[in-house]
N, C-alpha and C. Protein backbone atom coordinates (compact mmCIF):
# COMPACT_ATOMS: atom_id res chain seq x y z
N MET A 1 -12.92 20.23 -3.09
CA MET A 1 -13.92 19.25 -3.35
C MET A 1 -13.79 18.72 -4.67
N VAL A 2 -13.92 17.46 -4.86
CA VAL A 2 -13.92 16.74 -6.15
C VAL A 2 -15.25 16.44 -6.62
N VAL A 3 -15.56 16.78 -7.81
CA VAL A 3 -16.92 16.42 -8.48
C VAL A 3 -16.57 15.67 -9.75
N LEU A 4 -16.99 14.41 -9.80
CA LEU A 4 -16.86 13.57 -11.01
C LEU A 4 -18.29 13.21 -11.52
N ASN A 5 -18.78 13.96 -12.44
CA ASN A 5 -20.03 13.73 -13.02
C ASN A 5 -19.97 12.73 -14.29
N LYS A 6 -18.83 12.93 -15.02
CA LYS A 6 -18.67 12.24 -16.24
C LYS A 6 -17.44 11.33 -15.97
N ILE A 7 -17.57 10.07 -16.14
CA ILE A 7 -16.58 9.07 -15.85
C ILE A 7 -15.62 8.92 -17.07
N TYR A 8 -16.19 8.80 -18.27
CA TYR A 8 -15.31 8.61 -19.42
C TYR A 8 -15.12 9.95 -20.08
N THR A 9 -13.91 10.19 -20.54
CA THR A 9 -13.56 11.48 -21.18
C THR A 9 -12.97 11.26 -22.61
N ARG A 10 -12.62 10.08 -22.84
CA ARG A 10 -11.98 9.67 -24.16
C ARG A 10 -10.53 10.23 -24.33
N SER A 11 -10.12 11.07 -23.31
CA SER A 11 -8.85 11.64 -23.45
C SER A 11 -7.66 10.74 -23.30
N GLY A 12 -7.85 9.52 -22.76
CA GLY A 12 -6.86 8.55 -22.67
C GLY A 12 -6.80 7.53 -23.80
N ASP A 13 -7.64 7.69 -24.74
CA ASP A 13 -7.65 6.75 -25.87
C ASP A 13 -6.39 6.58 -26.69
N ASP A 14 -5.55 7.65 -26.53
CA ASP A 14 -4.30 7.67 -27.38
C ASP A 14 -3.14 7.15 -26.52
N GLY A 15 -3.41 6.52 -25.35
CA GLY A 15 -2.31 6.01 -24.60
C GLY A 15 -1.67 6.97 -23.61
N GLU A 16 -2.31 8.14 -23.43
CA GLU A 16 -1.75 9.17 -22.48
C GLU A 16 -2.87 9.37 -21.42
N THR A 17 -2.42 9.92 -20.31
CA THR A 17 -3.29 10.27 -19.25
C THR A 17 -2.82 11.49 -18.55
N GLY A 18 -3.83 12.17 -17.82
CA GLY A 18 -3.48 13.35 -17.13
C GLY A 18 -2.91 13.04 -15.77
N ILE A 19 -2.01 13.89 -15.32
CA ILE A 19 -1.51 13.75 -13.91
C ILE A 19 -1.92 15.04 -13.14
N GLY A 20 -1.62 15.02 -11.89
CA GLY A 20 -2.20 15.99 -10.93
C GLY A 20 -1.95 17.46 -11.25
N ASP A 21 -0.92 17.78 -12.04
CA ASP A 21 -0.72 19.22 -12.37
C ASP A 21 -1.33 19.53 -13.74
N GLY A 22 -2.14 18.61 -14.30
CA GLY A 22 -2.84 18.87 -15.58
C GLY A 22 -2.04 18.47 -16.72
N SER A 23 -0.76 18.22 -16.65
CA SER A 23 0.08 17.70 -17.81
C SER A 23 -0.33 16.35 -18.20
N ARG A 24 0.09 15.95 -19.38
CA ARG A 24 -0.28 14.54 -19.91
C ARG A 24 1.06 13.77 -20.05
N VAL A 25 0.96 12.51 -19.73
CA VAL A 25 2.11 11.57 -19.78
C VAL A 25 1.58 10.25 -20.41
N SER A 26 2.58 9.49 -20.92
CA SER A 26 2.19 8.19 -21.46
C SER A 26 1.74 7.32 -20.24
N LYS A 27 0.77 6.43 -20.55
CA LYS A 27 0.30 5.50 -19.48
C LYS A 27 1.39 4.42 -19.17
N LEU A 28 2.45 4.54 -19.88
CA LEU A 28 3.67 3.69 -19.59
C LEU A 28 4.68 4.37 -18.73
N ASP A 29 4.43 5.66 -18.38
CA ASP A 29 5.27 6.48 -17.54
C ASP A 29 5.47 5.85 -16.17
N ALA A 30 6.66 5.93 -15.64
CA ALA A 30 6.93 5.28 -14.32
C ALA A 30 6.06 5.82 -13.21
N ARG A 31 5.53 7.01 -13.34
CA ARG A 31 4.68 7.67 -12.37
C ARG A 31 3.26 6.96 -12.41
N ILE A 32 2.91 6.61 -13.59
CA ILE A 32 1.59 5.93 -13.73
C ILE A 32 1.66 4.51 -13.27
N ILE A 33 2.75 3.84 -13.61
CA ILE A 33 3.00 2.45 -13.17
C ILE A 33 3.03 2.39 -11.66
N ALA A 34 3.71 3.25 -10.99
CA ALA A 34 3.81 3.20 -9.52
C ALA A 34 2.47 3.52 -8.94
N GLY A 35 1.86 4.56 -9.52
CA GLY A 35 0.42 4.87 -8.98
C GLY A 35 -0.55 3.73 -9.13
N GLY A 36 -0.42 3.01 -10.22
CA GLY A 36 -1.25 1.83 -10.44
C GLY A 36 -1.02 0.73 -9.40
N SER A 37 0.22 0.48 -9.12
CA SER A 37 0.64 -0.52 -8.10
C SER A 37 0.11 -0.07 -6.71
N VAL A 38 0.17 1.15 -6.43
CA VAL A 38 -0.36 1.67 -5.12
C VAL A 38 -1.85 1.45 -5.06
N ASP A 39 -2.53 1.83 -6.21
CA ASP A 39 -4.00 1.65 -6.33
C ASP A 39 -4.34 0.19 -6.14
N GLU A 40 -3.60 -0.68 -6.74
CA GLU A 40 -3.82 -2.15 -6.65
C GLU A 40 -3.71 -2.57 -5.22
N THR A 41 -2.71 -2.11 -4.48
CA THR A 41 -2.58 -2.40 -3.03
C THR A 41 -3.81 -1.91 -2.29
N ASN A 42 -4.18 -0.70 -2.58
CA ASN A 42 -5.38 -0.13 -1.89
C ASN A 42 -6.65 -0.96 -2.19
N SER A 43 -6.79 -1.36 -3.44
CA SER A 43 -7.98 -2.24 -3.76
C SER A 43 -7.96 -3.51 -3.13
N LEU A 44 -6.80 -4.18 -2.95
CA LEU A 44 -6.71 -5.38 -2.27
C LEU A 44 -7.03 -5.22 -0.70
N LEU A 45 -6.63 -4.05 -0.23
CA LEU A 45 -6.98 -3.84 1.20
C LEU A 45 -8.44 -3.67 1.32
N GLY A 46 -9.12 -3.13 0.31
CA GLY A 46 -10.55 -2.93 0.30
C GLY A 46 -11.26 -4.36 0.28
N VAL A 47 -10.64 -5.27 -0.41
CA VAL A 47 -11.18 -6.75 -0.37
C VAL A 47 -11.03 -7.22 1.05
N ALA A 48 -9.88 -7.04 1.65
CA ALA A 48 -9.73 -7.53 3.01
C ALA A 48 -10.69 -6.90 3.94
N ALA A 49 -10.83 -5.59 3.89
CA ALA A 49 -11.78 -4.88 4.77
C ALA A 49 -13.24 -5.35 4.60
N ALA A 50 -13.64 -5.65 3.31
CA ALA A 50 -14.96 -6.15 3.06
C ALA A 50 -15.30 -7.51 3.69
N SER A 51 -14.20 -8.31 3.98
CA SER A 51 -14.45 -9.59 4.57
C SER A 51 -14.16 -9.60 6.14
N CYS A 52 -13.86 -8.45 6.64
CA CYS A 52 -13.37 -8.33 8.00
C CYS A 52 -14.53 -8.07 8.98
N SER A 53 -14.71 -8.89 10.01
CA SER A 53 -15.75 -8.66 10.98
C SER A 53 -15.23 -8.04 12.27
N ASP A 54 -13.89 -7.86 12.41
CA ASP A 54 -13.32 -7.27 13.53
C ASP A 54 -13.25 -5.70 13.29
N VAL A 55 -14.00 -4.98 14.08
CA VAL A 55 -14.14 -3.49 13.90
C VAL A 55 -12.80 -2.86 13.91
N ALA A 56 -11.94 -3.15 14.86
CA ALA A 56 -10.63 -2.42 15.05
C ALA A 56 -9.78 -2.71 13.82
N ILE A 57 -9.71 -3.96 13.32
CA ILE A 57 -8.87 -4.28 12.21
C ILE A 57 -9.46 -3.59 10.90
N LYS A 58 -10.75 -3.56 10.82
CA LYS A 58 -11.41 -2.93 9.62
C LYS A 58 -11.13 -1.45 9.70
N GLU A 59 -11.13 -0.75 10.86
CA GLU A 59 -10.84 0.63 10.92
C GLU A 59 -9.39 0.90 10.60
N LEU A 60 -8.48 -0.01 11.04
CA LEU A 60 -7.10 0.19 10.68
C LEU A 60 -6.84 0.08 9.13
N ILE A 61 -7.48 -0.93 8.59
CA ILE A 61 -7.32 -1.09 7.16
C ILE A 61 -7.88 0.11 6.43
N GLU A 62 -9.00 0.66 6.80
CA GLU A 62 -9.59 1.82 6.16
C GLU A 62 -8.70 3.10 6.38
N ALA A 63 -8.10 3.16 7.58
CA ALA A 63 -7.16 4.31 7.73
C ALA A 63 -5.99 4.25 6.83
N ILE A 64 -5.47 3.00 6.61
CA ILE A 64 -4.38 2.78 5.68
C ILE A 64 -4.80 3.13 4.26
N GLN A 65 -6.04 2.71 3.86
CA GLN A 65 -6.52 3.09 2.54
C GLN A 65 -6.58 4.61 2.35
N GLN A 66 -6.95 5.35 3.32
CA GLN A 66 -6.97 6.79 3.20
C GLN A 66 -5.59 7.39 2.89
N ARG A 67 -4.63 6.87 3.72
CA ARG A 67 -3.23 7.34 3.53
C ARG A 67 -2.72 6.88 2.06
N LEU A 68 -3.08 5.71 1.67
CA LEU A 68 -2.64 5.27 0.31
C LEU A 68 -3.24 6.11 -0.81
N PHE A 69 -4.39 6.68 -0.61
CA PHE A 69 -5.03 7.54 -1.56
C PHE A 69 -4.22 8.80 -1.55
N ASP A 70 -3.83 9.32 -0.41
CA ASP A 70 -2.97 10.50 -0.30
C ASP A 70 -1.69 10.30 -1.02
N LEU A 71 -1.10 9.02 -0.85
CA LEU A 71 0.14 8.76 -1.40
C LEU A 71 0.04 8.67 -2.94
N GLY A 72 -1.08 8.17 -3.44
CA GLY A 72 -1.31 8.14 -4.93
C GLY A 72 -1.28 9.58 -5.43
N ALA A 73 -1.93 10.48 -4.76
CA ALA A 73 -1.93 11.84 -5.17
C ALA A 73 -0.51 12.45 -5.08
N ASP A 74 0.22 12.05 -4.03
CA ASP A 74 1.62 12.51 -3.90
C ASP A 74 2.47 12.11 -5.09
N ILE A 75 2.27 10.88 -5.60
CA ILE A 75 2.96 10.40 -6.78
C ILE A 75 2.56 11.11 -8.03
N THR A 76 1.25 11.40 -8.20
CA THR A 76 0.83 11.95 -9.45
C THR A 76 0.94 13.47 -9.60
N VAL A 77 1.15 14.21 -8.42
CA VAL A 77 1.31 15.66 -8.43
C VAL A 77 2.80 15.85 -8.34
N PRO A 78 3.45 16.44 -9.32
CA PRO A 78 4.87 16.66 -9.27
C PRO A 78 5.27 17.36 -7.97
N TRP A 79 6.44 16.92 -7.47
CA TRP A 79 7.08 17.37 -6.23
C TRP A 79 7.35 18.88 -6.35
N ILE A 80 6.92 19.64 -5.36
CA ILE A 80 7.20 21.06 -5.24
C ILE A 80 8.08 21.28 -4.05
N ALA A 81 9.32 21.80 -4.30
CA ALA A 81 10.20 21.97 -3.17
C ALA A 81 9.67 23.04 -2.19
N ASP A 82 8.95 24.07 -2.65
CA ASP A 82 8.46 25.10 -1.76
C ASP A 82 7.10 24.64 -1.26
N ALA A 83 7.15 24.11 0.00
CA ALA A 83 5.90 23.62 0.60
C ALA A 83 4.80 24.68 0.78
N SER A 84 5.15 25.90 0.74
CA SER A 84 4.09 26.99 0.88
C SER A 84 3.20 27.04 -0.33
N GLU A 85 3.70 26.57 -1.49
CA GLU A 85 2.91 26.64 -2.67
C GLU A 85 2.32 25.27 -3.09
N ASP A 86 2.49 24.24 -2.28
CA ASP A 86 2.09 22.87 -2.50
C ASP A 86 0.76 22.61 -1.83
N ARG A 87 -0.28 22.26 -2.55
CA ARG A 87 -1.58 21.99 -2.01
C ARG A 87 -1.88 20.47 -1.99
N CYS A 88 -1.00 19.68 -2.43
CA CYS A 88 -1.16 18.24 -2.45
C CYS A 88 -0.97 17.62 -1.09
N PRO A 89 -1.73 16.67 -0.75
CA PRO A 89 -1.50 15.87 0.49
C PRO A 89 -0.21 15.11 0.27
N ARG A 90 0.80 15.37 1.12
CA ARG A 90 2.08 14.63 0.92
C ARG A 90 2.27 13.67 2.18
N ILE A 91 2.90 12.63 1.89
CA ILE A 91 3.35 11.62 2.91
C ILE A 91 4.55 12.35 3.67
N ALA A 92 4.38 12.29 5.05
CA ALA A 92 5.36 12.88 5.86
C ALA A 92 5.82 11.88 6.86
N LYS A 93 6.81 12.30 7.62
CA LYS A 93 7.46 11.42 8.68
C LYS A 93 6.31 11.01 9.70
N ARG A 94 5.39 11.82 9.96
CA ARG A 94 4.38 11.47 10.96
C ARG A 94 3.52 10.28 10.52
N HIS A 95 3.44 10.16 9.21
CA HIS A 95 2.68 8.95 8.63
C HIS A 95 3.47 7.67 8.83
N ILE A 96 4.75 7.83 8.73
CA ILE A 96 5.63 6.63 8.91
C ILE A 96 5.64 6.29 10.37
N ASP A 97 5.72 7.32 11.20
CA ASP A 97 5.71 7.12 12.64
C ASP A 97 4.46 6.38 13.01
N TRP A 98 3.33 6.75 12.51
CA TRP A 98 2.08 6.11 12.76
C TRP A 98 2.05 4.62 12.34
N LEU A 99 2.67 4.33 11.17
CA LEU A 99 2.81 2.95 10.82
C LEU A 99 3.58 2.14 11.75
N GLU A 100 4.70 2.76 12.20
CA GLU A 100 5.54 2.06 13.15
C GLU A 100 4.84 1.83 14.52
N GLN A 101 4.14 2.73 14.92
CA GLN A 101 3.32 2.55 16.18
C GLN A 101 2.29 1.37 16.00
N GLN A 102 1.75 1.32 14.87
CA GLN A 102 0.72 0.21 14.62
C GLN A 102 1.49 -1.20 14.56
N ILE A 103 2.65 -1.14 13.98
CA ILE A 103 3.46 -2.43 13.90
C ILE A 103 3.85 -2.80 15.34
N ASP A 104 4.34 -1.89 16.11
CA ASP A 104 4.77 -2.26 17.48
C ASP A 104 3.61 -2.75 18.26
N ARG A 105 2.43 -2.06 18.24
CA ARG A 105 1.22 -2.41 18.91
C ARG A 105 0.71 -3.84 18.63
N ILE A 106 0.67 -4.13 17.26
CA ILE A 106 0.21 -5.42 16.84
C ILE A 106 1.21 -6.47 17.10
N ASN A 107 2.45 -6.23 16.89
CA ASN A 107 3.49 -7.25 17.09
C ASN A 107 3.64 -7.62 18.55
N ALA A 108 3.30 -6.77 19.50
CA ALA A 108 3.44 -7.16 20.86
C ALA A 108 2.52 -8.22 21.27
N ASP A 109 1.45 -8.49 20.57
CA ASP A 109 0.47 -9.51 20.88
C ASP A 109 0.70 -10.84 20.08
N LEU A 110 1.73 -10.80 19.21
CA LEU A 110 1.90 -11.97 18.33
C LEU A 110 2.79 -13.04 19.05
N SER A 111 2.56 -14.29 18.68
CA SER A 111 3.42 -15.33 19.19
C SER A 111 4.72 -15.22 18.41
N ALA A 112 5.82 -15.59 19.04
CA ALA A 112 7.18 -15.55 18.44
C ALA A 112 7.28 -16.37 17.13
N LEU A 113 8.00 -15.70 16.17
CA LEU A 113 8.22 -16.52 14.89
C LEU A 113 9.32 -17.52 15.06
N THR A 114 9.10 -18.74 14.77
CA THR A 114 10.16 -19.80 14.84
C THR A 114 10.47 -20.36 13.41
N SER A 115 9.78 -19.78 12.44
CA SER A 115 9.95 -20.24 11.07
C SER A 115 9.45 -19.15 10.19
N PHE A 116 9.81 -19.20 8.96
CA PHE A 116 9.19 -18.35 7.97
C PHE A 116 7.78 -18.87 7.82
N ILE A 117 6.82 -17.97 7.37
CA ILE A 117 5.49 -18.40 7.22
C ILE A 117 5.06 -18.25 5.73
N LEU A 118 4.06 -19.09 5.41
CA LEU A 118 3.55 -19.01 4.06
C LEU A 118 2.23 -18.17 4.09
N PRO A 119 2.02 -17.47 3.02
CA PRO A 119 0.70 -16.67 2.99
C PRO A 119 -0.42 -17.53 3.10
N GLY A 120 -1.27 -17.35 4.01
CA GLY A 120 -2.46 -18.20 4.22
C GLY A 120 -3.00 -18.16 5.57
N GLY A 121 -3.61 -19.24 5.91
CA GLY A 121 -4.28 -19.31 7.25
C GLY A 121 -5.75 -18.98 7.08
N THR A 122 -6.28 -17.96 7.76
CA THR A 122 -7.66 -17.55 7.60
C THR A 122 -7.86 -16.78 6.25
N ALA A 123 -9.05 -16.73 5.79
CA ALA A 123 -9.32 -15.96 4.54
C ALA A 123 -8.92 -14.52 4.66
N LEU A 124 -9.13 -13.88 5.81
CA LEU A 124 -8.71 -12.50 5.96
C LEU A 124 -7.18 -12.36 5.98
N ALA A 125 -6.44 -13.26 6.65
CA ALA A 125 -4.95 -13.24 6.67
C ALA A 125 -4.50 -13.42 5.26
N ALA A 126 -5.10 -14.26 4.53
CA ALA A 126 -4.63 -14.54 3.16
C ALA A 126 -4.88 -13.29 2.33
N ALA A 127 -5.94 -12.64 2.48
CA ALA A 127 -6.24 -11.45 1.76
C ALA A 127 -5.23 -10.29 2.11
N VAL A 128 -4.89 -10.18 3.41
CA VAL A 128 -3.88 -9.16 3.79
C VAL A 128 -2.52 -9.63 3.20
N HIS A 129 -2.18 -10.85 3.24
CA HIS A 129 -0.92 -11.27 2.59
C HIS A 129 -0.83 -10.88 1.11
N VAL A 130 -1.89 -11.02 0.39
CA VAL A 130 -1.87 -10.70 -1.07
C VAL A 130 -1.62 -9.16 -1.11
N ALA A 131 -2.34 -8.35 -0.30
CA ALA A 131 -2.10 -6.91 -0.31
C ALA A 131 -0.66 -6.59 -0.03
N ARG A 132 -0.11 -7.32 0.95
CA ARG A 132 1.35 -7.11 1.37
C ARG A 132 2.20 -7.41 0.16
N SER A 133 2.01 -8.48 -0.46
CA SER A 133 2.90 -8.83 -1.65
C SER A 133 2.82 -7.81 -2.69
N VAL A 134 1.68 -7.29 -3.04
CA VAL A 134 1.43 -6.30 -4.03
C VAL A 134 2.10 -4.97 -3.50
N CYS A 135 1.98 -4.68 -2.23
CA CYS A 135 2.61 -3.50 -1.63
C CYS A 135 4.19 -3.54 -1.90
N ARG A 136 4.80 -4.73 -1.73
CA ARG A 136 6.20 -4.85 -1.97
C ARG A 136 6.55 -4.51 -3.49
N ARG A 137 5.66 -4.94 -4.41
CA ARG A 137 5.88 -4.63 -5.79
C ARG A 137 5.72 -3.09 -6.02
N ALA A 138 4.73 -2.56 -5.34
CA ALA A 138 4.50 -1.09 -5.48
C ALA A 138 5.71 -0.36 -5.04
N GLU A 139 6.33 -0.83 -3.90
CA GLU A 139 7.51 -0.14 -3.36
C GLU A 139 8.63 -0.18 -4.42
N VAL A 140 8.80 -1.30 -5.13
CA VAL A 140 9.81 -1.39 -6.17
C VAL A 140 9.45 -0.36 -7.25
N ASP A 141 8.19 -0.25 -7.66
CA ASP A 141 7.84 0.61 -8.73
C ASP A 141 8.05 2.09 -8.29
N VAL A 142 7.91 2.35 -6.96
CA VAL A 142 8.12 3.72 -6.46
C VAL A 142 9.68 4.02 -6.53
N ILE A 143 10.47 3.00 -6.12
CA ILE A 143 11.92 3.18 -6.23
C ILE A 143 12.37 3.39 -7.64
N ARG A 144 11.79 2.64 -8.57
CA ARG A 144 12.15 2.87 -9.96
C ARG A 144 11.72 4.29 -10.42
N LEU A 145 10.59 4.76 -9.99
CA LEU A 145 10.19 6.19 -10.24
C LEU A 145 11.22 7.18 -9.67
N GLN A 146 11.64 6.89 -8.47
CA GLN A 146 12.69 7.74 -7.81
C GLN A 146 13.95 7.90 -8.62
N GLN A 147 14.22 6.84 -9.37
CA GLN A 147 15.48 6.87 -10.16
C GLN A 147 15.25 7.79 -11.46
N GLU A 148 14.03 8.08 -11.82
CA GLU A 148 13.68 8.85 -12.96
C GLU A 148 13.36 10.29 -12.65
N LEU A 149 12.61 10.46 -11.52
CA LEU A 149 12.09 11.76 -11.23
C LEU A 149 12.33 12.14 -9.79
N THR A 150 12.32 13.36 -9.44
CA THR A 150 12.38 13.78 -8.09
C THR A 150 11.01 13.65 -7.50
N ILE A 151 10.80 12.76 -6.49
CA ILE A 151 9.51 12.72 -5.88
C ILE A 151 9.71 12.75 -4.33
N ASN A 152 8.70 12.81 -3.66
CA ASN A 152 8.71 12.89 -2.12
C ASN A 152 9.46 11.62 -1.63
N PRO A 153 10.60 11.76 -0.96
CA PRO A 153 11.41 10.67 -0.57
C PRO A 153 10.71 9.79 0.50
N MET A 154 9.67 10.29 1.16
CA MET A 154 8.91 9.59 2.19
C MET A 154 8.06 8.50 1.59
N ILE A 155 7.78 8.66 0.29
CA ILE A 155 6.80 7.65 -0.37
C ILE A 155 7.42 6.24 -0.23
N ALA A 156 8.59 6.05 -0.67
CA ALA A 156 9.24 4.72 -0.63
C ALA A 156 9.32 4.21 0.87
N VAL A 157 9.73 5.04 1.74
CA VAL A 157 9.75 4.62 3.19
C VAL A 157 8.45 4.19 3.66
N PHE A 158 7.33 4.97 3.29
CA PHE A 158 6.05 4.60 3.74
C PHE A 158 5.69 3.19 3.18
N MET A 159 5.95 2.93 1.93
CA MET A 159 5.58 1.64 1.30
C MET A 159 6.35 0.50 1.94
N ASN A 160 7.62 0.81 2.27
CA ASN A 160 8.40 -0.22 2.97
C ASN A 160 7.88 -0.61 4.31
N ARG A 161 7.53 0.41 5.10
CA ARG A 161 6.99 0.24 6.37
C ARG A 161 5.56 -0.36 6.35
N LEU A 162 4.78 0.05 5.24
CA LEU A 162 3.46 -0.57 5.10
C LEU A 162 3.45 -2.11 4.93
N SER A 163 4.45 -2.48 4.15
CA SER A 163 4.52 -3.96 3.93
C SER A 163 4.84 -4.74 5.25
N ASP A 164 5.66 -4.05 6.12
CA ASP A 164 5.96 -4.61 7.38
C ASP A 164 4.65 -4.73 8.22
N LEU A 165 3.87 -3.59 8.23
CA LEU A 165 2.58 -3.60 8.98
C LEU A 165 1.63 -4.60 8.43
N LEU A 166 1.53 -4.77 7.14
CA LEU A 166 0.64 -5.78 6.55
C LEU A 166 1.06 -7.20 6.93
N PHE A 167 2.39 -7.41 7.16
CA PHE A 167 2.87 -8.70 7.53
C PHE A 167 2.37 -9.00 8.92
N VAL A 168 2.57 -8.12 9.89
CA VAL A 168 2.14 -8.33 11.27
C VAL A 168 0.62 -8.40 11.35
N LEU A 169 -0.07 -7.58 10.51
CA LEU A 169 -1.46 -7.61 10.54
C LEU A 169 -2.08 -9.00 10.03
N ALA A 170 -1.42 -9.51 9.01
CA ALA A 170 -1.89 -10.82 8.53
C ALA A 170 -1.64 -11.82 9.63
N ARG A 171 -0.57 -11.71 10.40
CA ARG A 171 -0.29 -12.74 11.47
C ARG A 171 -1.37 -12.44 12.54
N SER A 172 -1.73 -11.25 12.86
CA SER A 172 -2.73 -11.00 13.86
C SER A 172 -4.08 -11.58 13.43
N CYS A 173 -4.39 -11.57 12.10
CA CYS A 173 -5.60 -12.16 11.60
C CYS A 173 -5.57 -13.71 11.63
N ASN A 174 -4.45 -14.26 11.91
CA ASN A 174 -4.27 -15.67 12.12
C ASN A 174 -4.12 -16.04 13.55
N ASP A 175 -5.13 -15.60 14.33
CA ASP A 175 -5.18 -15.84 15.76
C ASP A 175 -3.85 -15.53 16.43
N SER A 176 -3.49 -14.23 16.21
CA SER A 176 -2.19 -13.76 16.78
C SER A 176 -0.98 -14.57 16.41
N GLY A 177 -1.02 -15.18 15.29
CA GLY A 177 0.11 -15.98 14.77
C GLY A 177 0.01 -17.41 15.04
N LYS A 178 -0.98 -17.90 15.83
CA LYS A 178 -1.11 -19.34 16.20
C LYS A 178 -1.59 -20.15 15.05
N ALA A 179 -2.29 -19.48 14.12
CA ALA A 179 -2.79 -20.24 12.93
C ALA A 179 -1.96 -19.90 11.68
N ASP A 180 -0.73 -19.32 11.83
CA ASP A 180 0.13 -19.12 10.75
C ASP A 180 0.46 -20.46 10.05
N VAL A 181 0.66 -20.42 8.74
CA VAL A 181 1.11 -21.72 8.12
C VAL A 181 2.60 -21.59 7.99
N LEU A 182 3.29 -22.51 8.65
CA LEU A 182 4.69 -22.52 8.77
C LEU A 182 5.33 -23.09 7.52
N TRP A 183 6.46 -22.54 7.06
CA TRP A 183 7.25 -23.07 5.98
C TRP A 183 7.99 -24.31 6.48
N GLN A 184 7.93 -25.41 5.71
CA GLN A 184 8.66 -26.56 6.09
C GLN A 184 9.64 -26.86 4.96
N PRO A 185 10.89 -26.36 5.15
CA PRO A 185 11.91 -26.52 4.06
C PRO A 185 12.07 -27.95 3.65
N ASP A 186 12.13 -28.11 2.34
CA ASP A 186 12.50 -29.40 1.72
C ASP A 186 11.52 -30.52 2.11
N LYS A 187 10.27 -30.13 2.38
CA LYS A 187 9.29 -31.19 2.83
C LYS A 187 8.96 -32.02 1.56
N ALA A 188 9.00 -33.34 1.72
CA ALA A 188 8.78 -34.22 0.62
C ALA A 188 7.42 -33.99 0.05
N THR A 189 7.31 -33.98 -1.27
CA THR A 189 6.01 -33.85 -1.88
C THR A 189 5.55 -35.20 -2.39
N PRO A 190 4.30 -35.34 -2.49
CA PRO A 190 3.71 -36.70 -2.89
C PRO A 190 4.17 -36.99 -4.27
């Protein structure tokens, strides 16, 4: 159980912050950067969920947010090779399988893509597109972190698959793709 009674501690005033094992690192550490990008993705999904009137889509977004919170913990608690001693919620293949099942389920109802699409359409689709683009940046931050530290290899896979899910979800929020804003290459500007 987590109990947070005091929100400010002043312990980060010197440019360092605590991570999941209690050690302190610079706020510029790749682990903190990646965790921040994941948190930003999660926050943007919260904005999308707040404007969503479709119960099934809102529940899906909230389920994704729960896993992203687990993923944030996975990033900030150093990787332990011996799973029997690890009490951190870790991203596993089953989480990626779940994302792929959601992608396949949603994509089955979408109109075929005949063009690249622009982020937009409905307000909800646009919000999901923003979350998707930040998710892609978070994936890059995770990959950069992987080059510096040993972390759970499933984290980057999850983020990659999540950006795919958010793409099809945004299309679903655009009347199953019928309201997608199509890219028109080299269209004359006024």
